[in-house]
């Protein structure tokens, strides 16, 4: 299961990097947003994405003990979205040994 999650995270990182770089080379985000903002489905999709980012960050904030780390991950998740989320999960998967129960992902980290 660890290999599957790692593969999915790497795939998400690759896809998001590709589409973000491709889009950036064609149009800057400010001019795109100005054109798209009047569309109600754009706003709904944006709100949906950021609510998802917030829910993911709540899990991160619950797991992490340091306020500074919580703030750092909030900024990364809210600015980089799925890139940061896949990165966080990859970092957490590094600490799980092969064959070890993935339940550790769903528990709080212990203070060092």
PDB file of N, CA and C in Angstrom:
ATOM      1  N   UNK A   1       0.820  -1.193   0.000  1.00  0.00           N
ATOM      2  CA  UNK A   1       0.000   0.000   0.000  1.00  0.00           C
ATOM      3  C   UNK A   1       0.869   1.265   0.000  1.00  0.00           C
ATOM      4  N   UNK A   2       2.001   1.195   0.702  1.00  0.00           N
ATOM      5  CA  UNK A   2       2.902   2.349   0.728  1.00  0.00           C
ATOM      6  C   UNK A   2       3.388   2.681  -0.681  1.00  0.00           C
ATOM      7  N   UNK A   3       3.727   1.642  -1.444  1.00  0.00           N
ATOM      8  CA  UNK A   3       4.189   1.867  -2.824  1.00  0.00           C
ATOM      9  C   UNK A   3       3.084   2.490  -3.670  1.00  0.00           C
ATOM     10  N   UNK A   4       1.861   2.044  -3.491  1.00  0.00           N
ATOM     11  CA  UNK A   4       0.738   2.601  -4.241  1.00  0.00           C
ATOM     12  C   UNK A   4       0.551   4.078  -3.910  1.00  0.00           C
ATOM     13  N   UNK A   5       0.534   4.413  -2.615  1.00  0.00           N
ATOM     14  CA  UNK A   5       0.382   5.816  -2.207  1.00  0.00           C
ATOM     15  C   UNK A   5       1.533   6.675  -2.715  1.00  0.00           C
ATOM     16  N   UNK A   6       2.734   6.152  -2.648  1.00  0.00           N
ATOM     17  CA  UNK A   6       3.896   6.881  -3.153  1.00  0.00           C
ATOM     18  C   UNK A   6       3.757   7.119  -4.651  1.00  0.00           C
ATOM     19  N   UNK A   7       3.338   6.099  -5.374  1.00  0.00           N
ATOM     20  CA  UNK A   7       3.134   6.237  -6.818  1.00  0.00           C
ATOM     21  C   UNK A   7       2.070   7.257  -7.163  1.00  0.00           C
ATOM     22  N   UNK A   8       0.964   7.228  -6.428  1.00  0.00           N
ATOM     23  CA  UNK A   8      -0.115   8.199  -6.670  1.00  0.00           C
ATOM     24  C   UNK A   8       0.373   9.617  -6.391  1.00  0.00           C
ATOM     25  N   UNK A   9       1.102   9.800  -5.299  1.00  0.00           N
ATOM     26  CA  UNK A   9       1.633  11.129  -4.965  1.00  0.00           C
ATOM     27  C   UNK A   9       2.595  11.625  -6.043  1.00  0.00           C
ATOM     28  N   UNK A  10       3.465  10.742  -6.521  1.00  0.00           N
ATOM     29  CA  UNK A  10       4.399  11.124  -7.585  1.00  0.00           C
ATOM     30  C   UNK A  10       3.661  11.459  -8.873  1.00  0.00           C
ATOM     31  N   UNK A  11       2.616  10.699  -9.181  1.00  0.00           N
ATOM     32  CA  UNK A  11       1.806  10.982 -10.365  1.00  0.00           C
ATOM     33  C   UNK A  11       1.127  12.347 -10.235  1.00  0.00           C
ATOM     34  N   UNK A  12       0.551  12.621  -9.074  1.00  0.00           N
ATOM     35  CA  UNK A  12      -0.098  13.922  -8.839  1.00  0.00           C
ATOM     36  C   UNK A  12       0.922  15.048  -8.992  1.00  0.00           C
ATOM     37  N   UNK A  13       2.099  14.879  -8.403  1.00  0.00           N
ATOM     38  CA  UNK A  13       3.141  15.904  -8.538  1.00  0.00           C
ATOM     39  C   UNK A  13       3.503  16.128 -10.005  1.00  0.00           C
ATOM     40  N   UNK A  14       3.699  15.045 -10.752  1.00  0.00           N
ATOM     41  CA  UNK A  14       4.071  15.172 -12.165  1.00  0.00           C
ATOM     42  C   UNK A  14       2.976  15.859 -12.975  1.00  0.00           C
ATOM     43  N   UNK A  15       1.732  15.430 -12.780  1.00  0.00           N
ATOM     44  CA  UNK A  15       0.615  16.027 -13.526  1.00  0.00           C
ATOM     45  C   UNK A  15       0.460  17.501 -13.173  1.00  0.00           C
ATOM     46  N   UNK A  16       0.494  17.811 -11.880  1.00  0.00           N
ATOM     47  CA  UNK A  16       0.305  19.207 -11.464  1.00  0.00           C
ATOM     48  C   UNK A  16       1.450  20.097 -11.946  1.00  0.00           C
ATOM     49  N   UNK A  17       2.669  19.601 -11.892  1.00  0.00           N
ATOM     50  CA  UNK A  17       3.796  20.379 -12.416  1.00  0.00           C
ATOM     51  C   UNK A  17       3.637  20.615 -13.912  1.00  0.00           C
ATOM     52  N   UNK A  18       3.268  19.578 -14.643  1.00  0.00           N
ATOM     53  CA  UNK A  18       3.088  19.712 -16.090  1.00  0.00           C
ATOM     54  C   UNK A  18       2.005  20.731 -16.441  1.00  0.00           C
ATOM     55  N   UNK A  19       0.818  20.584 -15.842  1.00  0.00           N
ATOM     56  CA  UNK A  19      -0.271  21.493 -16.214  1.00  0.00           C
ATOM     57  C   UNK A  19      -0.005  22.913 -15.722  1.00  0.00           C
ATOM     58  N   UNK A  20       0.649  23.052 -14.576  1.00  0.00           N
ATOM     59  CA  UNK A  20       0.950  24.391 -14.057  1.00  0.00           C
ATOM     60  C   UNK A  20       1.992  25.089 -14.921  1.00  0.00           C
ATOM     61  N   UNK A  21       3.044  24.381 -15.277  1.00  0.00           N
ATOM     62  CA  UNK A  21       4.076  24.986 -16.140  1.00  0.00           C
ATOM     63  C   UNK A  21       3.510  25.292 -17.517  1.00  0.00           C
ATOM     64  N   UNK A  22       2.742  24.366 -18.081  1.00  0.00           N
ATOM     65  CA  UNK A  22       2.137  24.593 -19.402  1.00  0.00           C
ATOM     66  C   UNK A  22       1.224  25.808 -19.389  1.00  0.00           C
ATOM     67  N   UNK A  23       0.386  25.903 -18.370  1.00  0.00           N
ATOM     68  CA  UNK A  23      -0.534  27.037 -18.272  1.00  0.00           C
ATOM     69  C   UNK A  23       0.236  28.341 -18.074  1.00  0.00           C
ATOM     70  N   UNK A  24       1.271  28.308 -17.255  1.00  0.00           N
ATOM     71  CA  UNK A  24       2.056  29.517 -16.982  1.00  0.00           C
ATOM     72  C   UNK A  24       2.770  30.024 -18.220  1.00  0.00           C
ATOM     73  N   UNK A  25       3.191  29.120 -19.083  1.00  0.00           N
ATOM     74  CA  UNK A  25       3.859  29.524 -20.310  1.00  0.00           C
ATOM     75  C   UNK A  25       2.890  30.158 -21.313  1.00  0.00           C
ATOM     76  N   UNK A  26       1.613  29.843 -21.185  1.00  0.00           N
ATOM     77  CA  UNK A  26       0.612  30.386 -22.097  1.00  0.00           C
ATOM     78  C   UNK A  26      -0.025  31.669 -21.587  1.00  0.00           C
ATOM     79  N   UNK A  27      -0.197  31.780 -20.263  1.00  0.00           N
ATOM     80  CA  UNK A  27      -0.914  32.939 -19.709  1.00  0.00           C
ATOM     81  C   UNK A  27      -0.592  33.077 -18.227  1.00  0.00           C
ATOM     82  N   UNK A  28      -0.427  34.328 -17.783  1.00  0.00           N
ATOM     83  CA  UNK A  28      -0.171  34.517 -16.355  1.00  0.00           C
ATOM     84  C   UNK A  28      -1.480  34.373 -15.575  1.00  0.00           C
ATOM     85  N   UNK A  29      -1.355  34.025 -14.317  1.00  0.00           N
ATOM     86  CA  UNK A  29      -2.530  33.712 -13.500  1.00  0.00           C
ATOM     87  C   UNK A  29      -3.414  34.931 -13.239  1.00  0.00           C
ATOM     88  N   UNK A  30      -2.835  36.117 -13.154  1.00  0.00           N
ATOM     89  CA  UNK A  30      -3.627  37.324 -12.874  1.00  0.00           C
ATOM     90  C   UNK A  30      -4.575  37.629 -14.027  1.00  0.00           C
ATOM     91  N   UNK A  31      -4.066  37.613 -15.256  1.00  0.00           N
ATOM     92  CA  UNK A  31      -4.955  37.908 -16.390  1.00  0.00           C
ATOM     93  C   UNK A  31      -5.989  36.800 -16.585  1.00  0.00           C
ATOM     94  N   UNK A  32      -5.611  35.556 -16.307  1.00  0.00           N
ATOM     95  CA  UNK A  32      -6.569  34.453 -16.423  1.00  0.00           C
ATOM     96  C   UNK A  32      -7.692  34.617 -15.413  1.00  0.00           C
ATOM     97  N   UNK A  33      -7.339  34.971 -14.186  1.00  0.00           N
ATOM     98  CA  UNK A  33      -8.339  35.129 -13.131  1.00  0.00           C
ATOM     99  C   UNK A  33      -9.299  36.267 -13.450  1.00  0.00           C
ATOM    100  N   UNK A  34      -8.784  37.354 -13.996  1.00  0.00           N
ATOM    101  CA  UNK A  34      -9.653  38.485 -14.348  1.00  0.00           C
ATOM    102  C   UNK A  34     -10.705  38.082 -15.377  1.00  0.00           C
ATOM    103  N   UNK A  35     -10.328  37.225 -16.310  1.00  0.00           N
ATOM    104  CA  UNK A  35     -11.267  36.769 -17.337  1.00  0.00           C
ATOM    105  C   UNK A  35     -12.240  35.723 -16.786  1.00  0.00           C
ATOM    106  N   UNK A  36     -11.753  34.894 -15.881  1.00  0.00           N
ATOM    107  CA  UNK A  36     -12.562  33.777 -15.401  1.00  0.00           C
ATOM    108  C   UNK A  36     -13.457  34.126 -14.212  1.00  0.00           C
ATOM    109  N   UNK A  37     -13.098  35.125 -13.425  1.00  0.00           N
ATOM    110  CA  UNK A  37     -13.834  35.426 -12.201  1.00  0.00           C
ATOM    111  C   UNK A  37     -15.338  35.611 -12.404  1.00  0.00           C
ATOM    112  N   UNK A  38     -15.795  36.244 -13.480  1.00  0.00           N
ATOM    113  CA  UNK A  38     -17.249  36.390 -13.659  1.00  0.00           C
ATOM    114  C   UNK A  38     -18.007  35.064 -13.820  1.00  0.00           C
ATOM    115  N   UNK A  39     -17.330  33.999 -14.199  1.00  0.00           N
ATOM    116  CA  UNK A  39     -17.974  32.703 -14.401  1.00  0.00           C
ATOM    117  C   UNK A  39     -18.285  32.063 -13.038  1.00  0.00           C
ATOM    118  N   UNK A  40     -19.577  31.797 -12.747  1.00  0.00           N
ATOM    119  CA  UNK A  40     -19.926  31.229 -11.441  1.00  0.00           C
ATOM    120  C   UNK A  40     -19.328  29.834 -11.206  1.00  0.00           C
ATOM    121  N   UNK A  41     -19.122  29.051 -12.256  1.00  0.00           N
ATOM    122  CA  UNK A  41     -18.530  27.726 -12.075  1.00  0.00           C
ATOM    123  C   UNK A  41     -17.049  27.818 -11.744  1.00  0.00           C
ATOM    124  N   UNK A  42     -16.377  28.846 -12.224  1.00  0.00           N
ATOM    125  CA  UNK A  42     -14.984  29.057 -11.839  1.00  0.00           C
ATOM    126  C   UNK A  42     -14.904  29.343 -10.342  1.00  0.00           C
ATOM    127  N   UNK A  43     -15.782  30.217  -9.863  1.00  0.00           N
ATOM    128  CA  UNK A  43     -15.782  30.562  -8.437  1.00  0.00           C
ATOM    129  C   UNK A  43     -16.153  29.345  -7.584  1.00  0.00           C
ATOM    130  N   UNK A  44     -17.118  28.556  -8.051  1.00  0.00           N
ATOM    131  CA  UNK A  44     -17.519  27.360  -7.303  1.00  0.00           C
ATOM    132  C   UNK A  44     -16.377  26.346  -7.244  1.00  0.00           C
ATOM    133  N   UNK A  45     -15.693  26.159  -8.355  1.00  0.00           N
ATOM    134  CA  UNK A  45     -14.575  25.216  -8.402  1.00  0.00           C
ATOM    135  C   UNK A  45     -13.424  25.694  -7.519  1.00  0.00           C
ATOM    136  N   UNK A  46     -13.156  26.983  -7.542  1.00  0.00           N
ATOM    137  CA  UNK A  46     -12.106  27.564  -6.707  1.00  0.00           C
ATOM    138  C   UNK A  46     -12.446  27.399  -5.224  1.00  0.00           C
ATOM    139  N   UNK A  47     -13.692  27.679  -4.854  1.00  0.00           N
ATOM    140  CA  UNK A  47     -14.118  27.517  -3.463  1.00  0.00           C
ATOM    141  C   UNK A  47     -14.018  26.054  -3.043  1.00  0.00           C
ATOM    142  N   UNK A  48     -14.416  25.144  -3.927  1.00  0.00           N
ATOM    143  CA  UNK A  48     -14.333  23.716  -3.636  1.00  0.00           C
ATOM    144  C   UNK A  48     -12.877  23.304  -3.396  1.00  0.00           C
ATOM    145  N   UNK A  49     -11.969  23.764  -4.249  1.00  0.00           N
ATOM    146  CA  UNK A  49     -10.555  23.418  -4.102  1.00  0.00           C
ATOM    147  C   UNK A  49     -10.009  23.937  -2.778  1.00  0.00           C
ATOM    148  N   UNK A  50     -10.290  25.197  -2.449  1.00  0.00           N
ATOM    149  CA  UNK A  50      -9.732  25.758  -1.219  1.00  0.00           C
ATOM    150  C   UNK A  50     -10.374  25.174   0.037  1.00  0.00           C
ATOM    151  N   UNK A  51     -11.614  24.768  -0.033  1.00  0.00           N
ATOM    152  CA  UNK A  51     -12.208  24.053   1.111  1.00  0.00           C
ATOM    153  C   UNK A  51     -11.513  22.708   1.297  1.00  0.00           C
ATOM    154  N   UNK A  52     -11.196  22.034   0.207  1.00  0.00           N
ATOM    155  CA  UNK A  52     -10.444  20.784   0.275  1.00  0.00           C
ATOM    156  C   UNK A  52      -9.049  21.007   0.838  1.00  0.00           C
ATOM    157  N   UNK A  53      -8.391  22.087   0.429  1.00  0.00           N
ATOM    158  CA  UNK A  53      -7.068  22.412   0.965  1.00  0.00           C
ATOM    159  C   UNK A  53      -7.162  22.642   2.469  1.00  0.00           C
ATOM    160  N   UNK A  54      -8.206  23.345   2.889  1.00  0.00           N
ATOM    161  CA  UNK A  54      -8.385  23.627   4.315  1.00  0.00           C
ATOM    162  C   UNK A  54      -8.592  22.338   5.106  1.00  0.00           C
ATOM    163  N   UNK A  55      -9.416  21.427   4.600  1.00  0.00           N
ATOM    164  CA  UNK A  55      -9.637  20.155   5.296  1.00  0.00           C
ATOM    165  C   UNK A  55      -8.340  19.350   5.395  1.00  0.00           C
ATOM    166  N   UNK A  56      -7.559  19.329   4.318  1.00  0.00           N
ATOM    167  CA  UNK A  56      -6.290  18.609   4.355  1.00  0.00           C
ATOM    168  C   UNK A  56      -5.361  19.259   5.380  1.00  0.00           C
ATOM    169  N   UNK A  57      -5.308  20.594   5.390  1.00  0.00           N
ATOM    170  CA  UNK A  57      -4.447  21.286   6.341  1.00  0.00           C
ATOM    171  C   UNK A  57      -4.878  21.013   7.779  1.00  0.00           C
ATOM    172  N   UNK A  58      -6.167  20.875   8.038  1.00  0.00           N
ATOM    173  CA  UNK A  58      -6.617  20.553   9.390  1.00  0.00           C
ATOM    174  C   UNK A  58      -6.027  19.225   9.859  1.00  0.00           C
ATOM    175  N   UNK A  59      -5.924  18.258   8.958  1.00  0.00           N
ATOM    176  CA  UNK A  59      -5.284  16.988   9.292  1.00  0.00           C
ATOM    177  C   UNK A  59      -3.800  17.214   9.589  1.00  0.00           C
ATOM    178  N   UNK A  60      -3.143  18.018   8.735  1.00  0.00           N
ATOM    179  CA  UNK A  60      -1.731  18.331   8.947  1.00  0.00           C
ATOM    180  C   UNK A  60      -1.551  19.032  10.293  1.00  0.00           C
ATOM    181  N   UNK A  61      -2.366  20.023  10.587  1.00  0.00           N
ATOM    182  CA  UNK A  61      -2.257  20.778  11.838  1.00  0.00           C
ATOM    183  C   UNK A  61      -2.504  19.882  13.049  1.00  0.00           C
ATOM    184  N   UNK A  62      -3.397  18.927  12.910  1.00  0.00           N
ATOM    185  CA  UNK A  62      -3.664  17.986  13.996  1.00  0.00           C
ATOM    186  C   UNK A  62      -2.456  17.078  14.234  1.00  0.00           C
ATOM    187  N   UNK A  63      -1.798  16.658  13.143  1.00  0.00           N
ATOM    188  CA  UNK A  63      -0.644  15.750  13.245  1.00  0.00           C
ATOM    189  C   UNK A  63       0.598  16.444  13.769  1.00  0.00           C
ATOM    190  N   UNK A  64       0.850  17.654  13.321  1.00  0.00           N
ATOM    191  CA  UNK A  64       2.094  18.349  13.644  1.00  0.00           C
ATOM    192  C   UNK A  64       2.000  19.015  15.012  1.00  0.00           C
ATOM    193  N   UNK A  65       3.086  18.964  15.758  1.00  0.00           N
ATOM    194  CA  UNK A  65       3.107  19.534  17.103  1.00  0.00           C
ATOM    195  C   UNK A  65       3.566  20.993  17.115  1.00  0.00           C
ATOM    196  N   UNK A  66       4.398  21.376  16.176  1.00  0.00           N
ATOM    197  CA  UNK A  66       4.987  22.713  16.152  1.00  0.00           C
ATOM    198  C   UNK A  66       4.068  23.721  15.462  1.00  0.00           C
ATOM    199  N   UNK A  67       3.842  24.848  16.122  1.00  0.00           N
ATOM    200  CA  UNK A  67       3.022  25.907  15.525  1.00  0.00           C
ATOM    201  C   UNK A  67       3.687  26.431  14.255  1.00  0.00           C
ATOM    202  N   UNK A  68       5.002  26.573  14.280  1.00  0.00           N
ATOM    203  CA  UNK A  68       5.726  27.069  13.100  1.00  0.00           C
ATOM    204  C   UNK A  68       5.538  26.132  11.905  1.00  0.00           C
ATOM    205  N   UNK A  69       5.603  24.827  12.146  1.00  0.00           N
ATOM    206  CA  UNK A  69       5.398  23.849  11.065  1.00  0.00           C
ATOM    207  C   UNK A  69       3.960  23.911  10.567  1.00  0.00           C
ATOM    208  N   UNK A  70       3.024  24.062  11.472  1.00  0.00           N
ATOM    209  CA  UNK A  70       1.608  24.189  11.072  1.00  0.00           C
ATOM    210  C   UNK A  70       1.411  25.397  10.165  1.00  0.00           C
ATOM    211  N   UNK A  71       1.990  26.521  10.547  1.00  0.00           N
ATOM    212  CA  UNK A  71       1.860  27.753   9.752  1.00  0.00           C
ATOM    213  C   UNK A  71       2.543  27.581   8.393  1.00  0.00           C
ATOM    214  N   UNK A  72       3.746  26.999   8.402  1.00  0.00           N
ATOM    215  CA  UNK A  72       4.457  26.768   7.147  1.00  0.00           C
ATOM    216  C   UNK A  72       3.632  25.913   6.189  1.00  0.00           C
ATOM    217  N   UNK A  73       3.066  24.808   6.693  1.00  0.00           N
ATOM    218  CA  UNK A  73       2.273  23.941   5.824  1.00  0.00           C
ATOM    219  C   UNK A  73       0.967  24.614   5.385  1.00  0.00           C
ATOM    220  N   UNK A  74       0.407  25.466   6.226  1.00  0.00           N
ATOM    221  CA  UNK A  74      -0.789  26.213   5.803  1.00  0.00           C
ATOM    222  C   UNK A  74      -0.451  27.077   4.588  1.00  0.00           C
ATOM    223  N   UNK A  75       0.644  27.812   4.674  1.00  0.00           N
ATOM    224  CA  UNK A  75       1.059  28.680   3.564  1.00  0.00           C
ATOM    225  C   UNK A  75       1.349  27.857   2.316  1.00  0.00           C
ATOM    226  N   UNK A  76       2.080  26.758   2.481  1.00  0.00           N
ATOM    227  CA  UNK A  76       2.413  25.919   1.321  1.00  0.00           C
ATOM    228  C   UNK A  76       1.163  25.323   0.680  1.00  0.00           C
ATOM    229  N   UNK A  77       0.260  24.808   1.493  1.00  0.00           N
ATOM    230  CA  UNK A  77      -0.960  24.186   0.953  1.00  0.00           C
ATOM    231  C   UNK A  77      -1.848  25.221   0.275  1.00  0.00           C
ATOM    232  N   UNK A  78      -2.000  26.386   0.882  1.00  0.00           N
ATOM    233  CA  UNK A  78      -2.874  27.405   0.294  1.00  0.00           C
ATOM    234  C   UNK A  78      -2.280  28.053  -0.955  1.00  0.00           C
ATOM    235  N   UNK A  79      -0.955  28.014  -1.104  1.00  0.00           N
ATOM    236  CA  UNK A  79      -0.348  28.610  -2.304  1.00  0.00           C
ATOM    237  C   UNK A  79      -0.044  27.576  -3.386  1.00  0.00           C
ATOM    238  N   UNK A  80       0.317  26.366  -2.975  1.00  0.00           N
ATOM    239  CA  UNK A  80       0.706  25.350  -3.952  1.00  0.00           C
ATOM    240  C   UNK A  80      -0.328  24.244  -4.132  1.00  0.00           C
ATOM    241  N   UNK A  81      -1.318  24.219  -3.268  1.00  0.00           N
ATOM    242  CA  UNK A  81      -2.409  23.256  -3.399  1.00  0.00           C
ATOM    243  C   UNK A  81      -1.965  21.810  -3.399  1.00  0.00           C
ATOM    244  N   UNK A  82      -2.389  21.072  -4.418  1.00  0.00           N
ATOM    245  CA  UNK A  82      -2.119  19.643  -4.494  1.00  0.00           C
ATOM    246  C   UNK A  82      -0.637  19.314  -4.597  1.00  0.00           C
ATOM    247  N   UNK A  83       0.171  20.232  -5.103  1.00  0.00           N
ATOM    248  CA  UNK A  83       1.617  20.003  -5.109  1.00  0.00           C
ATOM    249  C   UNK A  83       2.123  19.862  -3.674  1.00  0.00           C
ATOM    250  N   UNK A  84       1.725  20.771  -2.806  1.00  0.00           N
ATOM    251  CA  UNK A  84       2.150  20.722  -1.402  1.00  0.00           C
ATOM    252  C   UNK A  84       1.536  19.520  -0.689  1.00  0.00           C
ATOM    253  N   UNK A  85       0.288  19.216  -0.991  1.00  0.00           N
ATOM    254  CA  UNK A  85      -0.376  18.095  -0.325  1.00  0.00           C
ATOM    255  C   UNK A  85       0.300  16.769  -0.679  1.00  0.00           C
ATOM    256  N   UNK A  86       0.622  16.574  -1.944  1.00  0.00           N
ATOM    257  CA  UNK A  86       1.327  15.357  -2.356  1.00  0.00           C
ATOM    258  C   UNK A  86       2.717  15.326  -1.730  1.00  0.00           C
ATOM    259  N   UNK A  87       3.375  16.473  -1.660  1.00  0.00           N
ATOM    260  CA  UNK A  87       4.692  16.552  -1.031  1.00  0.00           C
ATOM    261  C   UNK A  87       4.637  16.192   0.439  1.00  0.00           C
ATOM    262  N   UNK A  88       3.633  16.696   1.154  1.00  0.00           N
ATOM    263  CA  UNK A  88       3.495  16.374   2.577  1.00  0.00           C
ATOM    264  C   UNK A  88       3.310  14.874   2.771  1.00  0.00           C
ATOM    265  N   UNK A  89       2.422  14.298   1.988  1.00  0.00           N
ATOM    266  CA  UNK A  89       2.170  12.863   2.131  1.00  0.00           C
ATOM    267  C   UNK A  89       3.423  12.049   1.796  1.00  0.00           C
ATOM    268  N   UNK A  90       4.170  12.453   0.763  1.00  0.00           N
ATOM    269  CA  UNK A  90       5.414  11.750   0.441  1.00  0.00           C
ATOM    270  C   UNK A  90       6.406  11.823   1.607  1.00  0.00           C
ATOM    271  N   UNK A  91       6.509  12.991   2.223  1.00  0.00           N
ATOM    272  CA  UNK A  91       7.405  13.136   3.377  1.00  0.00           C
ATOM    273  C   UNK A  91       6.985  12.218   4.522  1.00  0.00           C
ATOM    274  N   UNK A  92       5.679  12.097   4.747  1.00  0.00           N
ATOM    275  CA  UNK A  92       5.188  11.249   5.827  1.00  0.00           C
ATOM    276  C   UNK A  92       5.390   9.771   5.501  1.00  0.00           C
ATOM    277  N   UNK A  93       5.247   9.404   4.241  1.00  0.00           N
ATOM    278  CA  UNK A  93       5.424   8.010   3.833  1.00  0.00           C
ATOM    279  C   UNK A  93       6.874   7.556   3.985  1.00  0.00           C
ATOM    280  N   UNK A  94       7.822   8.501   3.913  1.00  0.00           N
ATOM    281  CA  UNK A  94       9.239   8.152   4.088  1.00  0.00           C
ATOM    282  C   UNK A  94       9.517   7.563   5.469  1.00  0.00           C
ATOM    283  N   UNK A  95       8.711   7.949   6.453  1.00  0.00           N
ATOM    284  CA  UNK A  95       8.934   7.503   7.828  1.00  0.00           C
ATOM    285  C   UNK A  95       8.301   6.149   8.134  1.00  0.00           C
ATOM    286  N   UNK A  96       7.612   5.583   7.156  1.00  0.00           N
ATOM    287  CA  UNK A  96       6.955   4.286   7.361  1.00  0.00           C
ATOM    288  C   UNK A  96       7.782   3.211   6.668  1.00  0.00           C
ATOM    289  N   UNK A  97       8.162   2.219   7.425  1.00  0.00           N
ATOM    290  CA  UNK A  97       8.971   1.122   6.884  1.00  0.00           C
ATOM    291  C   UNK A  97       8.103   0.221   6.013  1.00  0.00           C
ATOM    292  N   UNK A  98       8.743  -0.448   5.093  1.00  0.00           N
ATOM    293  CA  UNK A  98       8.050  -1.391   4.215  1.00  0.00           C
ATOM    294  C   UNK A  98       7.354  -2.456   5.061  1.00  0.00           C
ATOM    295  N   UNK A  99       6.093  -2.685   4.789  1.00  0.00           N
ATOM    296  CA  UNK A  99       5.317  -3.676   5.520  1.00  0.00           C
ATOM    297  C   UNK A  99       4.692  -3.151   6.803  1.00  0.00           C
ATOM    298  N   UNK A 100       5.094  -1.950   7.227  1.00  0.00           N
ATOM    299  CA  UNK A 100       4.532  -1.370   8.452  1.00  0.00           C
ATOM    300  C   UNK A 100       3.112  -0.887   8.184  1.00  0.00           C
ATOM    301  N   UNK A 101       2.297  -0.906   9.215  1.00  0.00           N
ATOM    302  CA  UNK A 101       0.904  -0.478   9.130  1.00  0.00           C
ATOM    303  C   UNK A 101       0.829   1.015   8.773  1.00  0.00           C
ATOM    304  N   UNK A 102       0.021   1.354   7.793  1.00  0.00           N
ATOM    305  CA  UNK A 102      -0.139   2.756   7.389  1.00  0.00           C
ATOM    306  C   UNK A 102      -0.991   3.557   8.372  1.00  0.00           C
ATOM    307  N   UNK A 103      -1.511   2.894   9.386  1.00  0.00           N
ATOM    308  CA  UNK A 103      -2.304   3.580  10.394  1.00  0.00           C
ATOM    309  C   UNK A 103      -1.544   4.715  11.065  1.00  0.00           C
ATOM    310  N   UNK A 104      -0.227   4.631  11.031  1.00  0.00           N
ATOM    311  CA  UNK A 104       0.599   5.703  11.602  1.00  0.00           C
ATOM    312  C   UNK A 104       0.344   7.047  10.930  1.00  0.00           C
ATOM    313  N   UNK A 105      -0.077   7.002   9.672  1.00  0.00           N
ATOM    314  CA  UNK A 105      -0.406   8.250   8.966  1.00  0.00           C
ATOM    315  C   UNK A 105      -1.581   8.978   9.621  1.00  0.00           C
ATOM    316  N   UNK A 106      -2.410   8.210  10.327  1.00  0.00           N
ATOM    317  CA  UNK A 106      -3.633   8.772  10.881  1.00  0.00           C
ATOM    318  C   UNK A 106      -3.546   8.956  12.390  1.00  0.00           C
ATOM    319  N   UNK A 107      -2.325   9.077  12.874  1.00  0.00           N
ATOM    320  CA  UNK A 107      -2.141   9.370  14.300  1.00  0.00           C
ATOM    321  C   UNK A 107      -1.285  10.624  14.432  1.00  0.00           C
ATOM    322  N   UNK A 108      -1.366  11.224  15.582  1.00  0.00           N
ATOM    323  CA  UNK A 108      -0.577  12.423  15.830  1.00  0.00           C
ATOM    324  C   UNK A 108       0.878  12.064  15.953  1.00  0.00           C
ATOM    325  N   UNK A 109       1.710  12.996  15.509  1.00  0.00           N
ATOM    326  CA  UNK A 109       3.144  12.803  15.680  1.00  0.00           C
ATOM    327  C   UNK A 109       3.501  13.075  17.125  1.00  0.00           C
ATOM    328  N   UNK A 110       4.434  12.311  17.644  1.00  0.00           N
ATOM    329  CA  UNK A 110       4.880  12.518  19.015  1.00  0.00           C
ATOM    330  C   UNK A 110       5.950  13.605  19.038  1.00  0.00           C
ATOM    331  N   UNK A 111       5.951  14.393  20.071  1.00  0.00           N
ATOM    332  CA  UNK A 111       6.989  15.412  20.219  1.00  0.00           C
ATOM    333  C   UNK A 111       8.339  14.733  20.377  1.00  0.00           C
ATOM    334  N   UNK A 112       9.393  15.299  19.743  1.00  0.00           N
ATOM    335  CA  UNK A 112      10.718  14.689  19.868  1.00  0.00           C
ATOM    336  C   UNK A 112      11.257  14.801  21.272  1.00  0.00           C
TER     337      UNK A 112
END
